[in-house]
N, C-alpha and C. Protein backbone atom coordinates (compact mmCIF):
# COMPACT_ATOMS: atom_id res chain seq x y z
N UNK A 1 -52.49 14.59 36.16
CA UNK A 1 -51.43 14.49 35.17
C UNK A 1 -50.76 15.86 35.01
N UNK A 2 -49.47 15.84 34.82
CA UNK A 2 -48.68 17.06 34.66
C UNK A 2 -49.06 17.78 33.37
N UNK A 3 -49.31 19.08 33.50
CA UNK A 3 -49.62 19.89 32.31
C UNK A 3 -48.31 20.28 31.63
N UNK A 4 -48.18 19.93 30.36
CA UNK A 4 -46.97 20.22 29.60
C UNK A 4 -47.18 21.51 28.82
N UNK A 5 -46.97 22.64 29.45
CA UNK A 5 -47.19 23.93 28.80
C UNK A 5 -46.16 24.13 27.69
N UNK A 6 -46.60 24.67 26.56
CA UNK A 6 -45.76 24.73 25.36
C UNK A 6 -44.82 25.92 25.26
N UNK A 7 -44.89 26.88 26.19
CA UNK A 7 -44.07 28.09 26.08
C UNK A 7 -43.56 28.53 27.44
N UNK A 8 -42.41 29.19 27.41
CA UNK A 8 -41.87 29.82 28.61
C UNK A 8 -42.79 30.97 29.00
N UNK A 9 -43.13 31.05 30.27
CA UNK A 9 -44.02 32.11 30.75
C UNK A 9 -43.35 33.48 30.77
N UNK A 10 -42.05 33.51 30.64
CA UNK A 10 -41.33 34.80 30.70
C UNK A 10 -40.99 35.31 29.30
N UNK A 11 -40.35 34.49 28.48
CA UNK A 11 -39.89 34.97 27.17
C UNK A 11 -40.68 34.37 26.00
N UNK A 12 -41.59 33.46 26.30
CA UNK A 12 -42.45 32.80 25.32
C UNK A 12 -41.70 31.90 24.34
N UNK A 13 -40.51 31.41 24.73
CA UNK A 13 -39.78 30.45 23.90
C UNK A 13 -40.60 29.17 23.81
N UNK A 14 -40.60 28.55 22.65
CA UNK A 14 -41.31 27.29 22.45
C UNK A 14 -40.63 26.18 23.26
N UNK A 15 -41.43 25.36 23.93
CA UNK A 15 -40.92 24.23 24.72
C UNK A 15 -41.72 22.99 24.34
N UNK A 16 -41.11 22.11 23.58
CA UNK A 16 -41.79 20.89 23.16
C UNK A 16 -41.96 19.96 24.37
N UNK A 17 -42.87 18.99 24.32
CA UNK A 17 -43.07 18.08 25.45
C UNK A 17 -41.80 17.33 25.86
N UNK A 18 -40.87 17.14 24.92
CA UNK A 18 -39.64 16.42 25.25
C UNK A 18 -38.44 17.37 25.37
N UNK A 19 -38.69 18.65 25.59
CA UNK A 19 -37.62 19.65 25.70
C UNK A 19 -36.74 19.38 26.92
N UNK A 20 -35.42 19.45 26.71
CA UNK A 20 -34.46 19.27 27.80
C UNK A 20 -34.31 20.55 28.62
N UNK A 21 -34.73 21.68 28.07
CA UNK A 21 -34.49 22.96 28.74
C UNK A 21 -35.73 23.54 29.41
N UNK A 22 -36.76 22.74 29.65
CA UNK A 22 -37.96 23.22 30.32
C UNK A 22 -37.80 23.06 31.83
N UNK A 23 -38.21 24.08 32.58
CA UNK A 23 -38.15 24.06 34.04
C UNK A 23 -39.55 24.34 34.58
N UNK A 24 -39.92 23.67 35.68
CA UNK A 24 -41.23 23.87 36.30
C UNK A 24 -41.10 23.96 37.81
N UNK A 25 -42.14 24.55 38.43
CA UNK A 25 -42.24 24.54 39.89
C UNK A 25 -43.35 23.56 40.27
N UNK A 26 -43.66 23.44 41.53
CA UNK A 26 -44.68 22.47 41.96
C UNK A 26 -46.09 22.86 41.51
N UNK A 27 -46.29 24.11 41.09
CA UNK A 27 -47.58 24.54 40.57
C UNK A 27 -47.62 24.47 39.04
N UNK A 28 -46.57 23.90 38.44
CA UNK A 28 -46.45 23.70 37.00
C UNK A 28 -46.24 24.99 36.21
N UNK A 29 -45.80 26.06 36.89
CA UNK A 29 -45.37 27.25 36.16
C UNK A 29 -44.18 26.80 35.32
N UNK A 30 -44.09 27.26 34.08
CA UNK A 30 -43.12 26.73 33.13
C UNK A 30 -42.23 27.82 32.57
N UNK A 31 -40.92 27.56 32.57
CA UNK A 31 -39.94 28.51 32.07
C UNK A 31 -38.86 27.75 31.30
N UNK A 32 -38.17 28.46 30.41
CA UNK A 32 -37.02 27.85 29.72
C UNK A 32 -35.82 27.89 30.67
N UNK A 33 -34.80 27.12 30.38
CA UNK A 33 -33.62 27.05 31.25
C UNK A 33 -32.94 28.40 31.38
N UNK A 34 -32.87 29.17 30.30
CA UNK A 34 -32.21 30.48 30.35
C UNK A 34 -32.91 31.42 31.33
N UNK A 35 -34.23 31.49 31.23
CA UNK A 35 -34.98 32.36 32.14
C UNK A 35 -34.88 31.85 33.58
N UNK A 36 -34.96 30.53 33.76
CA UNK A 36 -34.85 29.96 35.11
C UNK A 36 -33.51 30.32 35.74
N UNK A 37 -32.45 30.25 34.97
CA UNK A 37 -31.12 30.61 35.47
C UNK A 37 -31.08 32.08 35.87
N UNK A 38 -31.63 32.95 35.02
CA UNK A 38 -31.66 34.38 35.34
C UNK A 38 -32.46 34.66 36.60
N UNK A 39 -33.47 33.84 36.87
CA UNK A 39 -34.32 34.02 38.06
C UNK A 39 -33.80 33.20 39.24
N UNK A 40 -32.56 32.69 39.12
CA UNK A 40 -31.92 31.89 40.18
C UNK A 40 -32.76 30.67 40.56
N UNK A 41 -33.40 30.06 39.54
CA UNK A 41 -34.21 28.84 39.72
C UNK A 41 -35.30 28.99 40.78
N UNK A 42 -35.85 30.20 40.87
CA UNK A 42 -36.95 30.48 41.79
C UNK A 42 -38.13 31.01 40.98
N UNK A 43 -39.28 30.39 41.16
CA UNK A 43 -40.47 30.79 40.42
C UNK A 43 -40.92 32.18 40.87
N UNK A 44 -41.11 33.12 39.93
CA UNK A 44 -41.54 34.45 40.31
C UNK A 44 -43.02 34.50 40.72
N UNK A 45 -43.78 33.47 40.39
CA UNK A 45 -45.20 33.44 40.71
C UNK A 45 -45.47 32.97 42.14
N UNK A 46 -44.77 31.92 42.57
CA UNK A 46 -45.06 31.33 43.88
C UNK A 46 -43.85 31.26 44.80
N UNK A 47 -42.66 31.54 44.28
CA UNK A 47 -41.45 31.48 45.09
C UNK A 47 -40.86 30.08 45.21
N UNK A 48 -41.48 29.11 44.52
CA UNK A 48 -41.01 27.73 44.57
C UNK A 48 -39.77 27.49 43.73
N UNK A 49 -39.16 26.35 43.94
CA UNK A 49 -37.96 25.95 43.21
C UNK A 49 -38.32 25.52 41.79
N UNK A 50 -37.53 25.97 40.81
CA UNK A 50 -37.70 25.54 39.42
C UNK A 50 -36.74 24.38 39.17
N UNK A 51 -37.29 23.28 38.70
CA UNK A 51 -36.50 22.08 38.42
C UNK A 51 -36.76 21.62 36.99
N UNK A 52 -35.91 20.73 36.51
CA UNK A 52 -36.07 20.20 35.15
C UNK A 52 -37.41 19.48 35.03
N UNK A 53 -38.16 19.82 34.01
CA UNK A 53 -39.46 19.19 33.78
C UNK A 53 -39.24 17.76 33.28
N UNK A 54 -39.92 16.78 33.88
CA UNK A 54 -39.77 15.40 33.42
C UNK A 54 -40.37 15.22 32.02
N UNK A 55 -39.86 14.25 31.31
CA UNK A 55 -40.39 13.94 29.97
C UNK A 55 -41.37 12.78 30.08
N UNK A 56 -42.35 12.78 29.21
CA UNK A 56 -43.32 11.68 29.17
C UNK A 56 -42.77 10.54 28.34
N UNK A 57 -43.12 9.34 28.72
CA UNK A 57 -42.76 8.17 27.90
C UNK A 57 -43.62 8.22 26.63
N UNK A 58 -43.01 7.85 25.52
CA UNK A 58 -43.75 7.90 24.26
C UNK A 58 -44.35 6.57 23.91
C-alpha cells in the first residue's frame, strides 16, 4: 500500500492524504507541488520523476 507521508521532505509543508499538491516518485519520496516545480519534477533522492500523488477512496 502507498505510504501517504504527511509533509514535504524539502520544506515540511503539511500534505493531507487528499492534498492536490502532493508529488511522489516511485520510491514514495514526497514533496509539495512548489518544491517539485523548483526541482524540475525530479526527485533529489533517487533521480526519479515526481508525479501527482493519487488520492485514496474514502
